[in-house]
PDB file of all heavy atoms in Angstrom:
ATOM      1  N   VAL A   1      -8.438   3.323  -1.451  1.00  0.00           N
ATOM      2  CA  VAL A   1      -7.968   2.334  -2.411  1.00  0.00           C
ATOM      3  C   VAL A   1      -6.537   1.996  -2.017  1.00  0.00           C
ATOM      4  O   VAL A   1      -5.690   2.901  -2.155  1.00  0.00           O
ATOM      5  CB  VAL A   1      -8.088   2.748  -3.781  1.00  0.00           C
ATOM      6  CG1 VAL A   1      -7.643   1.719  -4.791  1.00  0.00           C
ATOM      7  CG2 VAL A   1      -9.551   3.147  -4.169  1.00  0.00           C
ATOM      8  N   GLU A   2      -6.299   0.748  -1.687  1.00  0.00           N
ATOM      9  CA  GLU A   2      -4.911   0.331  -1.313  1.00  0.00           C
ATOM     10  C   GLU A   2      -4.181  -0.156  -2.546  1.00  0.00           C
ATOM     11  O   GLU A   2      -4.844  -0.662  -3.482  1.00  0.00           O
ATOM     12  CB  GLU A   2      -4.949  -0.770  -0.304  1.00  0.00           C
ATOM     13  CG  GLU A   2      -5.691  -0.476   0.954  1.00  0.00           C
ATOM     14  CD  GLU A   2      -7.083  -0.994   1.007  1.00  0.00           C
ATOM     15  OE1 GLU A   2      -7.707  -1.110  -0.060  1.00  0.00           O
ATOM     16  OE2 GLU A   2      -7.645  -1.213   2.088  1.00  0.00           O
ATOM     17  N   SER A   3      -2.835  -0.053  -2.542  1.00  0.00           N
ATOM     18  CA  SER A   3      -2.043  -0.612  -3.561  1.00  0.00           C
ATOM     19  C   SER A   3      -0.685  -0.956  -3.056  1.00  0.00           C
ATOM     20  O   SER A   3      -0.346  -0.513  -1.831  1.00  0.00           O
ATOM     21  CB  SER A   3      -1.893   0.382  -4.784  1.00  0.00           C
ATOM     22  OG  SER A   3      -1.270   1.507  -4.383  1.00  0.00           O
ATOM     23  N   GLY A   4       0.093  -1.736  -3.683  1.00  0.00           N
ATOM     24  CA  GLY A   4       1.457  -2.044  -3.320  1.00  0.00           C
ATOM     25  C   GLY A   4       1.667  -3.424  -2.784  1.00  0.00           C
ATOM     26  O   GLY A   4       2.828  -3.750  -2.464  1.00  0.00           O
ATOM     27  N   GLY A   5       0.593  -4.232  -2.564  1.00  0.00           N
ATOM     28  CA  GLY A   5       0.781  -5.581  -2.058  1.00  0.00           C
ATOM     29  C   GLY A   5       1.444  -6.446  -3.127  1.00  0.00           C
ATOM     30  O   GLY A   5       1.592  -6.086  -4.280  1.00  0.00           O
ATOM     31  N   GLY A   6       1.855  -7.623  -2.646  1.00  0.00           N
ATOM     32  CA  GLY A   6       2.471  -8.567  -3.548  1.00  0.00           C
ATOM     33  C   GLY A   6       3.194  -9.690  -2.825  1.00  0.00           C
ATOM     34  O   GLY A   6       2.962  -9.946  -1.644  1.00  0.00           O
ATOM     35  N   LEU A   7       3.959 -10.414  -3.529  1.00  0.00           N
ATOM     36  CA  LEU A   7       4.704 -11.595  -3.039  1.00  0.00           C
ATOM     37  C   LEU A   7       6.179 -11.115  -2.774  1.00  0.00           C
ATOM     38  O   LEU A   7       6.792 -10.617  -3.682  1.00  0.00           O
ATOM     39  CB  LEU A   7       4.622 -12.730  -3.956  1.00  0.00           C
ATOM     40  CG  LEU A   7       5.515 -13.935  -3.585  1.00  0.00           C
ATOM     41  CD1 LEU A   7       4.956 -14.600  -2.279  1.00  0.00           C
ATOM     42  CD2 LEU A   7       5.394 -14.940  -4.735  1.00  0.00           C
ATOM     43  N   VAL A   8       6.715 -11.396  -1.611  1.00  0.00           N
ATOM     44  CA  VAL A   8       8.124 -11.012  -1.366  1.00  0.00           C
ATOM     45  C   VAL A   8       8.715 -12.061  -0.416  1.00  0.00           C
ATOM     46  O   VAL A   8       8.038 -12.748   0.317  1.00  0.00           O
ATOM     47  CB  VAL A   8       8.120  -9.629  -0.633  1.00  0.00           C
ATOM     48  CG1 VAL A   8       7.440  -9.717   0.782  1.00  0.00           C
ATOM     49  CG2 VAL A   8       9.518  -9.126  -0.466  1.00  0.00           C
ATOM     50  N   GLN A   9      10.027 -12.141  -0.554  1.00  0.00           N
ATOM     51  CA  GLN A   9      10.735 -13.247   0.288  1.00  0.00           C
ATOM     52  C   GLN A   9      10.950 -12.634   1.680  1.00  0.00           C
ATOM     53  O   GLN A   9      10.903 -11.474   1.873  1.00  0.00           O
ATOM     54  CB  GLN A   9      12.105 -13.473  -0.278  1.00  0.00           C
ATOM     55  CG  GLN A   9      12.074 -14.301  -1.491  1.00  0.00           C
ATOM     56  CD  GLN A   9      13.456 -14.680  -2.045  1.00  0.00           C
ATOM     57  OE1 GLN A   9      14.387 -13.840  -2.061  1.00  0.00           O
ATOM     58  NE2 GLN A   9      13.636 -15.964  -2.480  1.00  0.00           N
ATOM     59  N   ALA A  10      11.009 -13.531   2.632  1.00  0.00           N
ATOM     60  CA  ALA A  10      11.299 -13.134   4.041  1.00  0.00           C
ATOM     61  C   ALA A  10      12.571 -12.251   4.091  1.00  0.00           C
ATOM     62  O   ALA A  10      13.578 -12.579   3.416  1.00  0.00           O
ATOM     63  CB  ALA A  10      11.460 -14.326   4.909  1.00  0.00           C
ATOM     64  N   GLY A  11      12.474 -11.203   4.880  1.00  0.00           N
ATOM     65  CA  GLY A  11      13.605 -10.207   4.941  1.00  0.00           C
ATOM     66  C   GLY A  11      13.445  -9.045   3.952  1.00  0.00           C
ATOM     67  O   GLY A  11      14.239  -8.052   4.063  1.00  0.00           O
ATOM     68  N   GLY A  12      12.566  -9.155   3.021  1.00  0.00           N
ATOM     69  CA  GLY A  12      12.393  -8.158   2.056  1.00  0.00           C
ATOM     70  C   GLY A  12      11.456  -7.045   2.502  1.00  0.00           C
ATOM     71  O   GLY A  12      11.069  -6.996   3.676  1.00  0.00           O
ATOM     72  N   SER A  13      11.156  -6.127   1.595  1.00  0.00           N
ATOM     73  CA  SER A  13      10.357  -4.936   1.880  1.00  0.00           C
ATOM     74  C   SER A  13       9.272  -4.710   0.908  1.00  0.00           C
ATOM     75  O   SER A  13       9.411  -5.072  -0.281  1.00  0.00           O
ATOM     76  CB  SER A  13      11.238  -3.650   1.965  1.00  0.00           C
ATOM     77  OG  SER A  13      12.220  -3.793   2.908  1.00  0.00           O
ATOM     78  N   LEU A  14       8.225  -4.085   1.353  1.00  0.00           N
ATOM     79  CA  LEU A  14       7.047  -3.676   0.529  1.00  0.00           C
ATOM     80  C   LEU A  14       6.620  -2.298   1.052  1.00  0.00           C
ATOM     81  O   LEU A  14       6.696  -1.979   2.208  1.00  0.00           O
ATOM     82  CB  LEU A  14       5.946  -4.616   0.498  1.00  0.00           C
ATOM     83  CG  LEU A  14       6.052  -5.881  -0.250  1.00  0.00           C
ATOM     84  CD1 LEU A  14       4.859  -6.771  -0.004  1.00  0.00           C
ATOM     85  CD2 LEU A  14       6.172  -5.589  -1.808  1.00  0.00           C
ATOM     86  N   ARG A  15       6.081  -1.500   0.111  1.00  0.00           N
ATOM     87  CA  ARG A  15       5.511  -0.251   0.490  1.00  0.00           C
ATOM     88  C   ARG A  15       4.071  -0.161   0.084  1.00  0.00           C
ATOM     89  O   ARG A  15       3.798  -0.169  -1.159  1.00  0.00           O
ATOM     90  CB  ARG A  15       6.335   0.964  -0.051  1.00  0.00           C
ATOM     91  CG  ARG A  15       5.787   2.392   0.240  1.00  0.00           C
ATOM     92  CD  ARG A  15       6.808   3.362  -0.351  1.00  0.00           C
ATOM     93  NE  ARG A  15       6.352   4.787  -0.171  1.00  0.00           N
ATOM     94  CZ  ARG A  15       5.721   5.436  -1.077  1.00  0.00           C
ATOM     95  NH1 ARG A  15       5.421   4.895  -2.240  1.00  0.00           N
ATOM     96  NH2 ARG A  15       5.409   6.722  -0.853  1.00  0.00           N
ATOM     97  N   LEU A  16       3.137  -0.104   1.011  1.00  0.00           N
ATOM     98  CA  LEU A  16       1.736  -0.050   0.681  1.00  0.00           C
ATOM     99  C   LEU A  16       1.308   1.454   0.590  1.00  0.00           C
ATOM    100  O   LEU A  16       1.826   2.302   1.381  1.00  0.00           O
ATOM    101  CB  LEU A  16       0.869  -0.751   1.730  1.00  0.00           C
ATOM    102  CG  LEU A  16       1.210  -2.219   1.970  1.00  0.00           C
ATOM    103  CD1 LEU A  16       0.164  -2.746   2.976  1.00  0.00           C
ATOM    104  CD2 LEU A  16       1.263  -3.018   0.723  1.00  0.00           C
ATOM    105  N   SER A  17       0.395   1.789  -0.295  1.00  0.00           N
ATOM    106  CA  SER A  17      -0.243   3.096  -0.400  1.00  0.00           C
ATOM    107  C   SER A  17      -1.659   2.984  -0.243  1.00  0.00           C
ATOM    108  O   SER A  17      -2.296   1.981  -0.632  1.00  0.00           O
ATOM    109  CB  SER A  17       0.233   3.709  -1.732  1.00  0.00           C
ATOM    110  OG  SER A  17       1.598   3.852  -1.877  1.00  0.00           O
ATOM    111  N   CYS A  18      -2.300   4.046   0.200  1.00  0.00           N
ATOM    112  CA  CYS A  18      -3.724   4.141   0.316  1.00  0.00           C
ATOM    113  C   CYS A  18      -4.179   5.517  -0.091  1.00  0.00           C
ATOM    114  O   CYS A  18      -3.825   6.507   0.546  1.00  0.00           O
ATOM    115  CB  CYS A  18      -4.232   3.840   1.833  1.00  0.00           C
ATOM    116  SG  CYS A  18      -5.988   4.166   2.038  1.00  0.00           S
ATOM    117  N   ALA A  19      -4.926   5.623  -1.259  1.00  0.00           N
ATOM    118  CA  ALA A  19      -5.360   6.855  -1.754  1.00  0.00           C
ATOM    119  C   ALA A  19      -6.759   7.122  -1.294  1.00  0.00           C
ATOM    120  O   ALA A  19      -7.591   6.275  -1.421  1.00  0.00           O
ATOM    121  CB  ALA A  19      -5.247   6.845  -3.242  1.00  0.00           C
ATOM    122  N   ALA A  20      -6.995   8.318  -0.792  1.00  0.00           N
ATOM    123  CA  ALA A  20      -8.282   8.611  -0.197  1.00  0.00           C
ATOM    124  C   ALA A  20      -8.981   9.749  -1.000  1.00  0.00           C
ATOM    125  O   ALA A  20      -8.327  10.707  -1.455  1.00  0.00           O
ATOM    126  CB  ALA A  20      -8.145   9.093   1.218  1.00  0.00           C
ATOM    127  N   THR A  21     -10.275   9.650  -1.171  1.00  0.00           N
ATOM    128  CA  THR A  21     -11.069  10.643  -1.812  1.00  0.00           C
ATOM    129  C   THR A  21     -12.404  10.838  -1.016  1.00  0.00           C
ATOM    130  O   THR A  21     -12.793   9.928  -0.227  1.00  0.00           O
ATOM    131  CB  THR A  21     -11.433  10.332  -3.226  1.00  0.00           C
ATOM    132  OG1 THR A  21     -12.172   9.092  -3.291  1.00  0.00           O
ATOM    133  CG2 THR A  21     -10.153  10.196  -4.110  1.00  0.00           C
ATOM    134  N   GLY A  22     -13.052  11.935  -1.171  1.00  0.00           N
ATOM    135  CA  GLY A  22     -14.402  12.131  -0.645  1.00  0.00           C
ATOM    136  C   GLY A  22     -14.451  13.005   0.617  1.00  0.00           C
ATOM    137  O   GLY A  22     -15.645  13.418   0.938  1.00  0.00           O
ATOM    138  N   ARG A  23     -13.384  13.397   1.200  1.00  0.00           N
ATOM    139  CA  ARG A  23     -13.408  14.283   2.366  1.00  0.00           C
ATOM    140  C   ARG A  23     -12.068  15.017   2.556  1.00  0.00           C
ATOM    141  O   ARG A  23     -11.157  14.662   1.836  1.00  0.00           O
ATOM    142  CB  ARG A  23     -13.894  13.594   3.614  1.00  0.00           C
ATOM    143  CG  ARG A  23     -12.781  12.583   4.189  1.00  0.00           C
ATOM    144  CD  ARG A  23     -13.323  12.006   5.445  1.00  0.00           C
ATOM    145  NE  ARG A  23     -12.362  11.015   5.979  1.00  0.00           N
ATOM    146  CZ  ARG A  23     -12.513  10.351   7.100  1.00  0.00           C
ATOM    147  NH1 ARG A  23     -13.544  10.658   7.914  1.00  0.00           N
ATOM    148  NH2 ARG A  23     -11.559   9.488   7.573  1.00  0.00           N
ATOM    149  N   THR A  24     -12.039  15.886   3.466  1.00  0.00           N
ATOM    150  CA  THR A  24     -10.778  16.618   3.663  1.00  0.00           C
ATOM    151  C   THR A  24      -9.842  15.673   4.442  1.00  0.00           C
ATOM    152  O   THR A  24      -9.887  15.485   5.621  1.00  0.00           O
ATOM    153  CB  THR A  24     -10.986  17.849   4.551  1.00  0.00           C
ATOM    154  OG1 THR A  24     -11.943  18.764   3.799  1.00  0.00           O
ATOM    155  CG2 THR A  24      -9.682  18.671   4.631  1.00  0.00           C
ATOM    156  N   PHE A  25      -8.916  15.107   3.692  1.00  0.00           N
ATOM    157  CA  PHE A  25      -8.034  14.026   4.173  1.00  0.00           C
ATOM    158  C   PHE A  25      -7.239  14.488   5.415  1.00  0.00           C
ATOM    159  O   PHE A  25      -7.131  13.705   6.338  1.00  0.00           O
ATOM    160  CB  PHE A  25      -7.067  13.619   3.051  1.00  0.00           C
ATOM    161  CG  PHE A  25      -6.100  12.530   3.443  1.00  0.00           C
ATOM    162  CD1 PHE A  25      -6.465  11.235   3.513  1.00  0.00           C
ATOM    163  CD2 PHE A  25      -4.762  12.807   3.684  1.00  0.00           C
ATOM    164  CE1 PHE A  25      -5.607  10.264   3.834  1.00  0.00           C
ATOM    165  CE2 PHE A  25      -3.895  11.853   4.053  1.00  0.00           C
ATOM    166  CZ  PHE A  25      -4.321  10.555   4.131  1.00  0.00           C
TER     167      PHE A  25
END
């Protein structure tokens, strides 16, 4: 499951996360 996306101006920053379940990560 990803999260952290969105709208940002050029030159800006975003941090995406991906949470995993179901196996030994």
